[in-house]
Amino acid sequence: MSATGKKVVDVAFKAGKSIDWEGMAKLMVSDEARKEFATLRRTFDEVNTALQTKFSQEPEPIDWEYYRKGIGPRLVDMYKEAYESVEIPKYVDNVTPQYKPKFDALLVELKVAEEKSLKESERLEKEIAEVQELKKKISTMTADEYFDKHPEVKKKFDDEIRNDYWGY
């Protein structure tokens, strides 16, 4: 097998091991998404298995002497010459250099968005905790206790009273 073919098989094998299939499966919410995800995983495993079995093995060497005895040396020599003249071109990757910078830029964007999302999530969790605390205490809380926690509301009420604005 060519070195390039072996490299492709190795990369595919390593990629299969590094994928967190169970973690991704937990993110699926609908039955249709779960079915599609199972199909994707099954297809990935089939392709990975095919790469490992079919393309990772060297072809068996041809026993030219065996065929010379059975068929005749002239015809076998002609086939041997044709077989040895076949050159398999080396794979030159022209696509990865074009898309690698774009992919890296997207990864940076993803990290920024993830950090922003985590900060927003943290802020919302705090807000939820505050609202739940307020909900528990609302029946026994005095206006002064509420104004201590929310001085901007107290200022607004004081301004309305001072300006003689009573809401009508």
Protein backbone atom coordinates (compact mmCIF):
# COMPACT_ATOMS: atom_id res chain seq x y z
CA MET A 1 0.00 0.00 0.00
CA SER A 2 1.20 3.50 -0.68
CA ALA A 3 2.35 5.72 2.15
CA THR A 4 -0.49 8.13 1.42
CA GLY A 5 -3.10 5.37 1.66
CA LYS A 6 -1.65 4.22 4.95
CA LYS A 7 -1.72 7.81 6.23
CA VAL A 8 -5.40 8.18 5.30
CA VAL A 9 -6.26 4.96 7.14
CA ASP A 10 -4.31 6.04 10.23
CA VAL A 11 -5.97 9.47 10.30
CA ALA A 12 -9.44 7.95 9.91
CA PHE A 13 -8.75 5.44 12.67
CA LYS A 14 -7.51 8.14 15.06
CA ALA A 15 -10.47 10.38 14.21
CA GLY A 16 -12.86 7.55 15.06
CA LYS A 17 -11.30 7.11 18.47
CA SER A 18 -11.34 10.82 19.32
CA ILE A 19 -15.04 11.36 18.59
CA ASP A 20 -17.21 11.51 21.71
CA TRP A 21 -20.22 9.69 20.28
CA GLU A 22 -21.95 9.27 23.65
CA GLY A 23 -21.51 12.94 24.51
CA MET A 24 -22.99 14.01 21.19
CA ALA A 25 -25.84 11.49 21.53
CA LYS A 26 -26.87 13.13 24.82
CA LEU A 27 -27.36 16.43 22.97
CA MET A 28 -30.01 14.98 20.65
CA VAL A 29 -33.50 16.00 21.72
CA SER A 30 -35.85 14.66 19.06
CA ASP A 31 -36.36 11.07 17.95
CA GLU A 32 -35.64 12.05 14.35
CA ALA A 33 -32.30 13.58 15.37
CA ARG A 34 -31.41 10.42 17.30
CA LYS A 35 -32.20 8.26 14.25
CA GLU A 36 -30.13 10.46 11.95
CA PHE A 37 -27.27 10.47 14.46
CA ALA A 38 -27.37 6.67 14.72
CA THR A 39 -27.24 6.45 10.92
CA LEU A 40 -24.27 8.81 10.84
CA ARG A 41 -22.41 6.79 13.46
CA ARG A 42 -23.15 3.48 11.72
CA THR A 43 -21.99 4.88 8.35
CA PHE A 44 -18.82 6.30 9.92
CA ASP A 45 -18.04 2.94 11.51
CA GLU A 46 -18.63 1.10 8.22
CA VAL A 47 -16.35 3.46 6.27
CA ASN A 48 -13.72 3.31 8.99
CA THR A 49 -13.82 -0.50 9.00
CA ALA A 50 -13.55 -0.59 5.21
CA LEU A 51 -10.55 1.74 5.32
CA GLN A 52 -8.85 -0.37 7.97
CA THR A 53 -9.43 -3.69 6.25
CA LYS A 54 -9.30 -3.05 2.51
CA PHE A 55 -6.82 -0.24 2.22
CA SER A 56 -4.41 -0.94 5.05
CA GLN A 57 -3.09 -4.19 3.59
CA GLU A 58 -0.29 -4.54 1.08
CA PRO A 59 -1.26 -6.50 -2.04
CA GLU A 60 0.13 -9.99 -2.20
CA PRO A 61 3.14 -10.26 -4.53
CA ILE A 62 2.47 -11.93 -7.85
CA ASP A 63 4.16 -15.30 -8.39
CA TRP A 64 5.25 -14.73 -12.01
CA GLU A 65 7.01 -18.10 -12.22
CA TYR A 66 3.80 -19.95 -11.42
CA TYR A 67 2.04 -18.24 -14.32
CA ARG A 68 5.02 -18.73 -16.67
CA LYS A 69 4.74 -22.48 -16.21
CA GLY A 70 0.99 -22.58 -16.80
CA ILE A 71 0.46 -19.92 -19.47
CA GLY A 72 3.79 -19.42 -21.15
CA PRO A 73 6.69 -17.05 -20.62
CA ARG A 74 6.01 -14.65 -23.49
CA LEU A 75 2.49 -13.66 -22.43
CA VAL A 76 3.42 -13.53 -18.73
CA ASP A 77 6.46 -11.33 -19.46
CA MET A 78 4.22 -8.99 -21.42
CA TYR A 79 1.79 -8.73 -18.47
CA LYS A 80 4.66 -8.35 -15.99
CA GLU A 81 6.13 -5.50 -18.03
CA ALA A 82 2.74 -3.79 -18.25
CA TYR A 83 2.16 -4.33 -14.49
CA GLU A 84 5.52 -2.85 -13.54
CA SER A 85 5.08 0.12 -15.87
CA VAL A 86 1.92 1.25 -14.10
CA GLU A 87 2.66 4.24 -11.92
CA ILE A 88 0.16 5.22 -9.29
CA PRO A 89 0.26 8.99 -8.89
CA LYS A 90 0.99 10.41 -5.49
CA TYR A 91 -1.86 12.29 -3.88
CA VAL A 92 -1.19 15.99 -3.60
CA ASP A 93 -3.50 17.76 -1.19
CA ASN A 94 -4.45 21.12 -2.69
CA VAL A 95 -7.68 21.52 -0.73
CA THR A 96 -6.47 21.54 2.87
CA PRO A 97 -4.19 24.58 2.49
CA GLN A 98 -7.13 26.58 1.11
CA TYR A 99 -9.57 25.69 3.87
CA LYS A 100 -7.29 25.30 6.88
CA PRO A 101 -7.10 29.09 7.56
CA LYS A 102 -10.88 29.41 7.20
CA PHE A 103 -11.42 26.49 9.55
CA ASP A 104 -8.95 27.91 12.09
CA ALA A 105 -10.73 31.29 11.93
CA LEU A 106 -14.06 29.55 12.54
CA LEU A 107 -12.55 27.75 15.54
CA VAL A 108 -11.45 31.09 16.99
CA GLU A 109 -14.96 32.48 16.43
CA LEU A 110 -16.40 29.39 18.05
CA LYS A 111 -14.23 29.83 21.15
CA VAL A 112 -15.23 33.50 21.45
CA ALA A 113 -18.91 32.62 21.04
CA GLU A 114 -18.55 29.81 23.58
CA GLU A 115 -16.98 32.13 26.16
CA LYS A 116 -19.66 34.75 25.52
CA SER A 117 -22.36 32.12 25.85
CA LEU A 118 -20.90 30.79 29.11
CA LYS A 119 -20.74 34.31 30.58
CA GLU A 120 -24.33 35.00 29.53
CA SER A 121 -25.42 31.64 30.93
CA GLU A 122 -23.69 32.42 34.23
CA ARG A 123 -25.38 35.83 34.36
CA LEU A 124 -28.77 34.27 33.68
CA GLU A 125 -28.23 31.61 36.34
CA LYS A 126 -27.53 34.36 38.89
CA GLU A 127 -30.62 36.24 37.77
CA ILE A 128 -32.74 33.10 38.07
CA ALA A 129 -31.40 32.50 41.58
CA GLU A 130 -32.23 36.09 42.56
CA VAL A 131 -35.76 35.83 41.17
CA GLN A 132 -36.34 32.53 42.94
CA GLU A 133 -35.09 34.03 46.20
CA LEU A 134 -37.37 37.03 45.69
CA LYS A 135 -40.28 34.70 44.94
CA LYS A 136 -39.75 32.88 48.23
CA LYS A 137 -39.48 36.08 50.29
CA ILE A 138 -42.07 38.25 48.50
CA SER A 139 -44.93 37.43 50.86
CA THR A 140 -42.97 38.47 53.97
CA MET A 141 -40.71 41.17 52.53
CA THR A 142 -41.19 44.80 53.50
CA ALA A 143 -40.82 47.71 51.11
CA ASP A 144 -37.63 48.80 52.88
CA GLU A 145 -36.07 45.35 52.39
CA TYR A 146 -36.98 45.43 48.71
CA PHE A 147 -35.60 48.97 48.30
CA ASP A 148 -32.35 47.92 50.02
CA LYS A 149 -31.82 45.31 47.31
CA HIS A 150 -33.03 47.57 44.48
CA PRO A 151 -31.95 51.17 45.18
CA GLU A 152 -32.76 52.25 41.60
CA VAL A 153 -36.45 51.46 42.19
CA LYS A 154 -36.41 53.48 45.45
CA LYS A 155 -34.82 56.41 43.60
CA LYS A 156 -37.52 56.20 40.90
CA PHE A 157 -40.31 56.24 43.51
CA ASP A 158 -38.69 59.11 45.41
CA ASP A 159 -38.36 61.10 42.17
CA GLU A 160 -42.03 60.49 41.31
CA ILE A 161 -43.15 61.58 44.77
CA ARG A 162 -40.86 64.63 44.71
CA ASN A 163 -42.20 65.66 41.27
CA ASP A 164 -45.77 65.08 42.40
CA TYR A 165 -46.35 62.39 39.76
CA TRP A 166 -48.77 59.78 41.06
CA GLY A 167 -49.21 57.69 37.90
CA TYR A 168 -52.33 59.42 36.46
